[in-house]
Amino acid sequence: MIGGGSDREQAIVTNKLQPLVKEIKDWIEDGVSSLTICGGYQFLGEYYKKKNGEKLKGMGILPLYSEAGKNRLMTNLLISTKQFGNVVGFENHGGRTYHNLPPLGLVVNGYGNNGENGEEGLHYHHLIGTYLHGPILPKNPRIADYLIEKAYERKTGRTLEPLNDTFENEANEVVWERFLHKKRTKYKNES
């Protein structure tokens, strides 16, 4: 799991992670369960371009890049996914991320990767990159179960018995419905 931070801290952490780039890339390619949020998501790319034009070097693990926008993108984020169903959370980011990798899902409410193309995050092997902060795993048990399941399968070669997530899934549905009716942003995807 790699989380986010401000531009200053992101530059420091990126430099500290440079010696581990090959190892992290190998883990991702080998199917290690991974979750990267906000700055951690941006770390995976080639660079992050600050408002002043300065480029902070990323780890260059995946073909993506991020740029600072004029305004922060903050709202309740609802995305529709093929694998995890309806996903809910909160986004609060200044960066806009661009890539041609498979997205985590399509934006129903919010801004997602960049506020332009209607996509949010990425899902590559067992890596999930996202701008969903608030808090992604408790609000989206299917994603939490997926990351645990894939880690367990990789370690043991066995599958886990499905958990009873009835209560958690009901909570996800309540949040989805509540914020769906309070939509404020421009995207509404049909698929």
C-alpha atoms as a PDB file:
ATOM      1  CA  MET A   1       0.000   0.000   0.000  1.00  0.00           C
ATOM      2  CA  ILE A   2       1.338   3.415  -0.929  1.00  0.00           C
ATOM      3  CA  GLY A   3      -0.592   6.482   0.159  1.00  0.00           C
ATOM      4  CA  GLY A   4      -0.327  10.138  -0.774  1.00  0.00           C
ATOM      5  CA  GLY A   5       1.136  13.395   0.464  1.00  0.00           C
ATOM      6  CA  SER A   6       1.975  16.935  -0.559  1.00  0.00           C
ATOM      7  CA  ASP A   7       4.316  17.739  -3.457  1.00  0.00           C
ATOM      8  CA  ARG A   8       7.260  18.263  -1.096  1.00  0.00           C
ATOM      9  CA  GLU A   9       6.816  14.933   0.672  1.00  0.00           C
ATOM     10  CA  GLN A  10       6.099  13.192  -2.618  1.00  0.00           C
ATOM     11  CA  ALA A  11       9.484  14.319  -3.987  1.00  0.00           C
ATOM     12  CA  ILE A  12      11.272  13.045  -0.867  1.00  0.00           C
ATOM     13  CA  VAL A  13       9.527   9.669  -0.926  1.00  0.00           C
ATOM     14  CA  THR A  14      10.014   9.247  -4.671  1.00  0.00           C
ATOM     15  CA  ASN A  15      13.766   9.692  -4.231  1.00  0.00           C
ATOM     16  CA  LYS A  16      13.800   7.211  -1.339  1.00  0.00           C
ATOM     17  CA  LEU A  17      11.901   4.640  -3.427  1.00  0.00           C
ATOM     18  CA  GLN A  18      14.190   4.855  -6.489  1.00  0.00           C
ATOM     19  CA  PRO A  19      16.458   1.983  -5.320  1.00  0.00           C
ATOM     20  CA  LEU A  20      13.347  -0.226  -4.994  1.00  0.00           C
ATOM     21  CA  VAL A  21      11.808   0.513  -8.413  1.00  0.00           C
ATOM     22  CA  LYS A  22      12.858  -2.758 -10.082  1.00  0.00           C
ATOM     23  CA  GLU A  23      11.701  -4.794  -7.094  1.00  0.00           C
ATOM     24  CA  ILE A  24       8.335  -3.009  -6.893  1.00  0.00           C
ATOM     25  CA  LYS A  25       7.828  -3.380 -10.658  1.00  0.00           C
ATOM     26  CA  ASP A  26       8.662  -7.099 -10.435  1.00  0.00           C
ATOM     27  CA  TRP A  27       6.162  -7.517  -7.589  1.00  0.00           C
ATOM     28  CA  ILE A  28       3.424  -5.805  -9.587  1.00  0.00           C
ATOM     29  CA  GLU A  29       4.154  -7.882 -12.696  1.00  0.00           C
ATOM     30  CA  ASP A  30       4.186 -11.046 -10.547  1.00  0.00           C
ATOM     31  CA  GLY A  31       0.716 -10.299  -9.178  1.00  0.00           C
ATOM     32  CA  VAL A  32       1.405  -8.988  -5.678  1.00  0.00           C
ATOM     33  CA  SER A  33      -1.762  -7.393  -4.270  1.00  0.00           C
ATOM     34  CA  SER A  34      -1.168  -3.657  -4.228  1.00  0.00           C
ATOM     35  CA  LEU A  35      -3.195  -0.569  -3.409  1.00  0.00           C
ATOM     36  CA  THR A  36      -1.932   2.917  -4.299  1.00  0.00           C
ATOM     37  CA  ILE A  37      -3.921   6.009  -3.395  1.00  0.00           C
ATOM     38  CA  CYS A  38      -3.529   9.579  -4.654  1.00  0.00           C
ATOM     39  CA  GLY A  39       0.204  10.428  -4.510  1.00  0.00           C
ATOM     40  CA  GLY A  40       0.992   6.714  -4.250  1.00  0.00           C
ATOM     41  CA  TYR A  41      -0.926   6.211  -7.497  1.00  0.00           C
ATOM     42  CA  GLN A  42       0.956   9.103  -9.096  1.00  0.00           C
ATOM     43  CA  PHE A  43       4.322   7.660  -7.880  1.00  0.00           C
ATOM     44  CA  LEU A  44       3.887   4.747 -10.290  1.00  0.00           C
ATOM     45  CA  GLY A  45       4.145   7.015 -13.331  1.00  0.00           C
ATOM     46  CA  GLU A  46       6.832   8.837 -15.239  1.00  0.00           C
ATOM     47  CA  TYR A  47       6.392  12.205 -13.552  1.00  0.00           C
ATOM     48  CA  TYR A  48       4.189  14.645 -11.671  1.00  0.00           C
ATOM     49  CA  LYS A  49       4.218  18.166 -13.127  1.00  0.00           C
ATOM     50  CA  LYS A  50       3.745  20.837 -10.473  1.00  0.00           C
ATOM     51  CA  LYS A  51       1.867  24.108 -11.081  1.00  0.00           C
ATOM     52  CA  ASN A  52       5.171  25.934 -11.546  1.00  0.00           C
ATOM     53  CA  GLY A  53       6.122  23.526 -14.368  1.00  0.00           C
ATOM     54  CA  GLU A  54       8.710  21.604 -12.346  1.00  0.00           C
ATOM     55  CA  LYS A  55       8.546  17.860 -12.973  1.00  0.00           C
ATOM     56  CA  LEU A  56       8.927  15.508 -10.035  1.00  0.00           C
ATOM     57  CA  LYS A  57      10.337  12.258 -11.303  1.00  0.00           C
ATOM     58  CA  GLY A  58       8.111   9.258 -10.673  1.00  0.00           C
ATOM     59  CA  MET A  59       9.162   5.636 -10.394  1.00  0.00           C
ATOM     60  CA  GLY A  60       8.364   5.011 -14.066  1.00  0.00           C
ATOM     61  CA  ILE A  61       6.768   1.643 -13.315  1.00  0.00           C
ATOM     62  CA  LEU A  62       3.645   2.220 -15.401  1.00  0.00           C
ATOM     63  CA  PRO A  63       3.022   4.386 -18.489  1.00  0.00           C
ATOM     64  CA  LEU A  64       1.177   7.237 -16.824  1.00  0.00           C
ATOM     65  CA  TYR A  65       1.840  10.811 -15.796  1.00  0.00           C
ATOM     66  CA  SER A  66       0.162  13.389 -13.591  1.00  0.00           C
ATOM     67  CA  GLU A  67      -0.076  17.165 -13.679  1.00  0.00           C
ATOM     68  CA  ALA A  68      -1.256  19.684 -11.114  1.00  0.00           C
ATOM     69  CA  GLY A  69      -4.549  21.318 -11.984  1.00  0.00           C
ATOM     70  CA  LYS A  70      -5.717  24.834 -11.249  1.00  0.00           C
ATOM     71  CA  ASN A  71      -8.234  23.673  -8.638  1.00  0.00           C
ATOM     72  CA  ARG A  72      -8.541  20.752  -6.250  1.00  0.00           C
ATOM     73  CA  LEU A  73     -11.037  18.071  -7.224  1.00  0.00           C
ATOM     74  CA  MET A  74     -13.073  17.330  -4.103  1.00  0.00           C
ATOM     75  CA  THR A  75     -16.375  15.512  -3.869  1.00  0.00           C
ATOM     76  CA  ASN A  76     -18.012  12.190  -3.151  1.00  0.00           C
ATOM     77  CA  LEU A  77     -16.762   9.835  -5.839  1.00  0.00           C
ATOM     78  CA  LEU A  78     -18.997   7.103  -7.223  1.00  0.00           C
ATOM     79  CA  ILE A  79     -17.658   4.730  -9.840  1.00  0.00           C
ATOM     80  CA  SER A  80     -19.199   1.816 -11.661  1.00  0.00           C
ATOM     81  CA  THR A  81     -16.878  -1.172 -12.105  1.00  0.00           C
ATOM     82  CA  LYS A  82     -17.243  -4.475 -13.893  1.00  0.00           C
ATOM     83  CA  GLN A  83     -15.419  -6.462 -11.221  1.00  0.00           C
ATOM     84  CA  PHE A  84     -16.377  -4.754  -7.964  1.00  0.00           C
ATOM     85  CA  GLY A  85     -19.818  -3.327  -8.712  1.00  0.00           C
ATOM     86  CA  ASN A  86     -20.578   0.133  -7.342  1.00  0.00           C
ATOM     87  CA  VAL A  87     -17.579   1.697  -5.599  1.00  0.00           C
ATOM     88  CA  VAL A  88     -17.883   4.686  -3.265  1.00  0.00           C
ATOM     89  CA  GLY A  89     -15.485   7.069  -1.589  1.00  0.00           C
ATOM     90  CA  PHE A  90     -14.262  10.620  -1.373  1.00  0.00           C
ATOM     91  CA  GLU A  91     -11.734  12.290  -3.639  1.00  0.00           C
ATOM     92  CA  ASN A  92      -9.540  15.269  -2.752  1.00  0.00           C
ATOM     93  CA  HIS A  93      -6.670  15.796  -5.188  1.00  0.00           C
ATOM     94  CA  GLY A  94      -4.967  18.512  -7.157  1.00  0.00           C
ATOM     95  CA  GLY A  95      -3.354  16.167  -9.665  1.00  0.00           C
ATOM     96  CA  ARG A  96      -4.770  14.987 -12.948  1.00  0.00           C
ATOM     97  CA  THR A  97      -3.570  11.558 -14.046  1.00  0.00           C
ATOM     98  CA  TYR A  98      -3.463  10.367 -17.645  1.00  0.00           C
ATOM     99  CA  HIS A  99      -2.950   6.837 -18.967  1.00  0.00           C
ATOM    100  CA  ASN A 100      -4.285   4.229 -21.376  1.00  0.00           C
ATOM    101  CA  LEU A 101      -4.316   1.356 -18.871  1.00  0.00           C
ATOM    102  CA  PRO A 102      -7.555  -0.369 -17.840  1.00  0.00           C
ATOM    103  CA  PRO A 103      -9.369   1.943 -15.406  1.00  0.00           C
ATOM    104  CA  LEU A 104     -10.696   0.794 -12.061  1.00  0.00           C
ATOM    105  CA  GLY A 105     -14.092   2.029 -13.242  1.00  0.00           C
ATOM    106  CA  LEU A 106     -16.201   4.727 -14.828  1.00  0.00           C
ATOM    107  CA  VAL A 107     -17.178   7.889 -12.977  1.00  0.00           C
ATOM    108  CA  VAL A 108     -20.863   8.250 -12.123  1.00  0.00           C
ATOM    109  CA  ASN A 109     -20.299  11.186  -9.758  1.00  0.00           C
ATOM    110  CA  GLY A 110     -17.075  13.057  -9.211  1.00  0.00           C
ATOM    111  CA  TYR A 111     -13.985  13.732 -11.274  1.00  0.00           C
ATOM    112  CA  GLY A 112     -11.824  10.595 -11.209  1.00  0.00           C
ATOM    113  CA  ASN A 113      -8.423  10.545 -12.851  1.00  0.00           C
ATOM    114  CA  ASN A 114      -8.524  13.956 -14.434  1.00  0.00           C
ATOM    115  CA  GLY A 115     -12.073  15.341 -14.604  1.00  0.00           C
ATOM    116  CA  GLU A 116     -12.030  14.938 -18.383  1.00  0.00           C
ATOM    117  CA  ASN A 117     -12.392  11.363 -19.607  1.00  0.00           C
ATOM    118  CA  GLY A 118     -14.863   9.871 -17.113  1.00  0.00           C
ATOM    119  CA  GLU A 119     -12.435   7.207 -15.861  1.00  0.00           C
ATOM    120  CA  GLU A 120     -11.173   6.598 -12.345  1.00  0.00           C
ATOM    121  CA  GLY A 121      -8.035   4.837 -11.255  1.00  0.00           C
ATOM    122  CA  LEU A 122      -6.440   1.809 -12.805  1.00  0.00           C
ATOM    123  CA  HIS A 123      -6.578  -1.940 -12.342  1.00  0.00           C
ATOM    124  CA  TYR A 124      -3.446  -3.686 -13.579  1.00  0.00           C
ATOM    125  CA  HIS A 125      -2.790  -7.319 -12.591  1.00  0.00           C
ATOM    126  CA  HIS A 126      -3.602  -7.183  -8.846  1.00  0.00           C
ATOM    127  CA  LEU A 127      -2.679  -3.517  -8.475  1.00  0.00           C
ATOM    128  CA  ILE A 128      -5.363  -0.917  -7.849  1.00  0.00           C
ATOM    129  CA  GLY A 129      -4.446   2.747  -8.241  1.00  0.00           C
ATOM    130  CA  THR A 130      -7.085   5.299  -7.296  1.00  0.00           C
ATOM    131  CA  TYR A 131      -7.981   8.767  -6.074  1.00  0.00           C
ATOM    132  CA  LEU A 132     -10.567   7.225  -3.731  1.00  0.00           C
ATOM    133  CA  HIS A 133      -9.614   8.210  -0.213  1.00  0.00           C
ATOM    134  CA  GLY A 134     -12.446   7.985   2.093  1.00  0.00           C
ATOM    135  CA  PRO A 135     -11.895   5.140   3.263  1.00  0.00           C
ATOM    136  CA  ILE A 136     -11.774   2.821   0.256  1.00  0.00           C
ATOM    137  CA  LEU A 137     -11.512  -0.591   1.934  1.00  0.00           C
ATOM    138  CA  PRO A 138     -14.253  -0.374   4.624  1.00  0.00           C
ATOM    139  CA  LYS A 139     -16.691   1.232   2.185  1.00  0.00           C
ATOM    140  CA  ASN A 140     -15.944  -1.260  -0.592  1.00  0.00           C
ATOM    141  CA  PRO A 141     -15.652  -4.770   0.846  1.00  0.00           C
ATOM    142  CA  ARG A 142     -15.374  -6.373  -2.590  1.00  0.00           C
ATOM    143  CA  ILE A 143     -12.082  -4.531  -3.153  1.00  0.00           C
ATOM    144  CA  ALA A 144     -10.788  -5.425   0.319  1.00  0.00           C
ATOM    145  CA  ASP A 145     -11.742  -9.078  -0.199  1.00  0.00           C
ATOM    146  CA  TYR A 146     -10.114  -9.096  -3.652  1.00  0.00           C
ATOM    147  CA  LEU A 147      -6.772  -7.792  -2.364  1.00  0.00           C
ATOM    148  CA  ILE A 148      -6.760 -10.269   0.535  1.00  0.00           C
ATOM    149  CA  GLU A 149      -7.850 -13.157  -1.688  1.00  0.00           C
ATOM    150  CA  LYS A 150      -5.164 -12.501  -4.308  1.00  0.00           C
ATOM    151  CA  ALA A 151      -2.458 -12.170  -1.645  1.00  0.00           C
ATOM    152  CA  TYR A 152      -3.577 -15.424  -0.027  1.00  0.00           C
ATOM    153  CA  GLU A 153      -3.718 -17.279  -3.358  1.00  0.00           C
ATOM    154  CA  ARG A 154      -0.248 -16.047  -4.300  1.00  0.00           C
ATOM    155  CA  LYS A 155       1.190 -17.123  -0.933  1.00  0.00           C
ATOM    156  CA  THR A 156      -0.557 -20.494  -0.540  1.00  0.00           C
ATOM    157  CA  GLY A 157      -1.892 -21.494  -3.945  1.00  0.00           C
ATOM    158  CA  ARG A 158      -5.293 -21.998  -2.316  1.00  0.00           C
ATOM    159  CA  THR A 159      -8.493 -19.973  -2.449  1.00  0.00           C
ATOM    160  CA  LEU A 160     -10.348 -18.494   0.486  1.00  0.00           C
ATOM    161  CA  GLU A 161     -13.937 -19.240   1.340  1.00  0.00           C
ATOM    162  CA  PRO A 162     -16.123 -16.201   0.586  1.00  0.00           C
ATOM    163  CA  LEU A 163     -16.805 -13.974   3.565  1.00  0.00           C
ATOM    164  CA  ASN A 164     -20.274 -12.910   4.623  1.00  0.00           C
ATOM    165  CA  ASP A 165     -20.164  -9.251   3.608  1.00  0.00           C
ATOM    166  CA  THR A 166     -23.923  -8.678   3.741  1.00  0.00           C
ATOM    167  CA  PHE A 167     -23.734  -5.798   6.214  1.00  0.00           C
ATOM    168  CA  GLU A 168     -20.765  -4.159   4.452  1.00  0.00           C
ATOM    169  CA  ASN A 169     -22.374  -4.460   1.022  1.00  0.00           C
ATOM    170  CA  GLU A 170     -25.610  -2.961   2.361  1.00  0.00           C
ATOM    171  CA  ALA A 171     -23.615  -0.027   3.770  1.00  0.00           C
ATOM    172  CA  ASN A 172     -21.981   0.438   0.354  1.00  0.00           C
ATOM    173  CA  GLU A 173     -25.421   0.517  -1.290  1.00  0.00           C
ATOM    174  CA  VAL A 174     -26.739   3.083   1.202  1.00  0.00           C
ATOM    175  CA  VAL A 175     -23.782   5.392   0.554  1.00  0.00           C
ATOM    176  CA  TRP A 176     -24.140   4.909  -3.211  1.00  0.00           C
ATOM    177  CA  GLU A 177     -27.842   5.812  -3.170  1.00  0.00           C
ATOM    178  CA  ARG A 178     -27.354   8.756  -0.811  1.00  0.00           C
ATOM    179  CA  PHE A 179     -24.674  10.392  -2.944  1.00  0.00           C
ATOM    180  CA  LEU A 180     -26.213   9.423  -6.266  1.00  0.00           C
ATOM    181  CA  HIS A 181     -29.132  11.682  -5.406  1.00  0.00           C
ATOM    182  CA  LYS A 182     -26.779  14.545  -4.470  1.00  0.00           C
ATOM    183  CA  LYS A 183     -24.771  14.477  -7.711  1.00  0.00           C
ATOM    184  CA  ARG A 184     -22.901  17.684  -8.421  1.00  0.00           C
ATOM    185  CA  THR A 185     -20.523  16.874 -11.240  1.00  0.00           C
ATOM    186  CA  LYS A 186     -20.827  16.292 -14.938  1.00  0.00           C
ATOM    187  CA  TYR A 187     -20.211  12.595 -15.559  1.00  0.00           C
ATOM    188  CA  LYS A 188     -22.930  10.025 -15.874  1.00  0.00           C
ATOM    189  CA  ASN A 189     -21.767   6.848 -17.600  1.00  0.00           C
ATOM    190  CA  GLU A 190     -24.189   4.211 -18.738  1.00  0.00           C
ATOM    191  CA  SER A 191     -21.820   1.217 -18.501  1.00  0.00           C
END
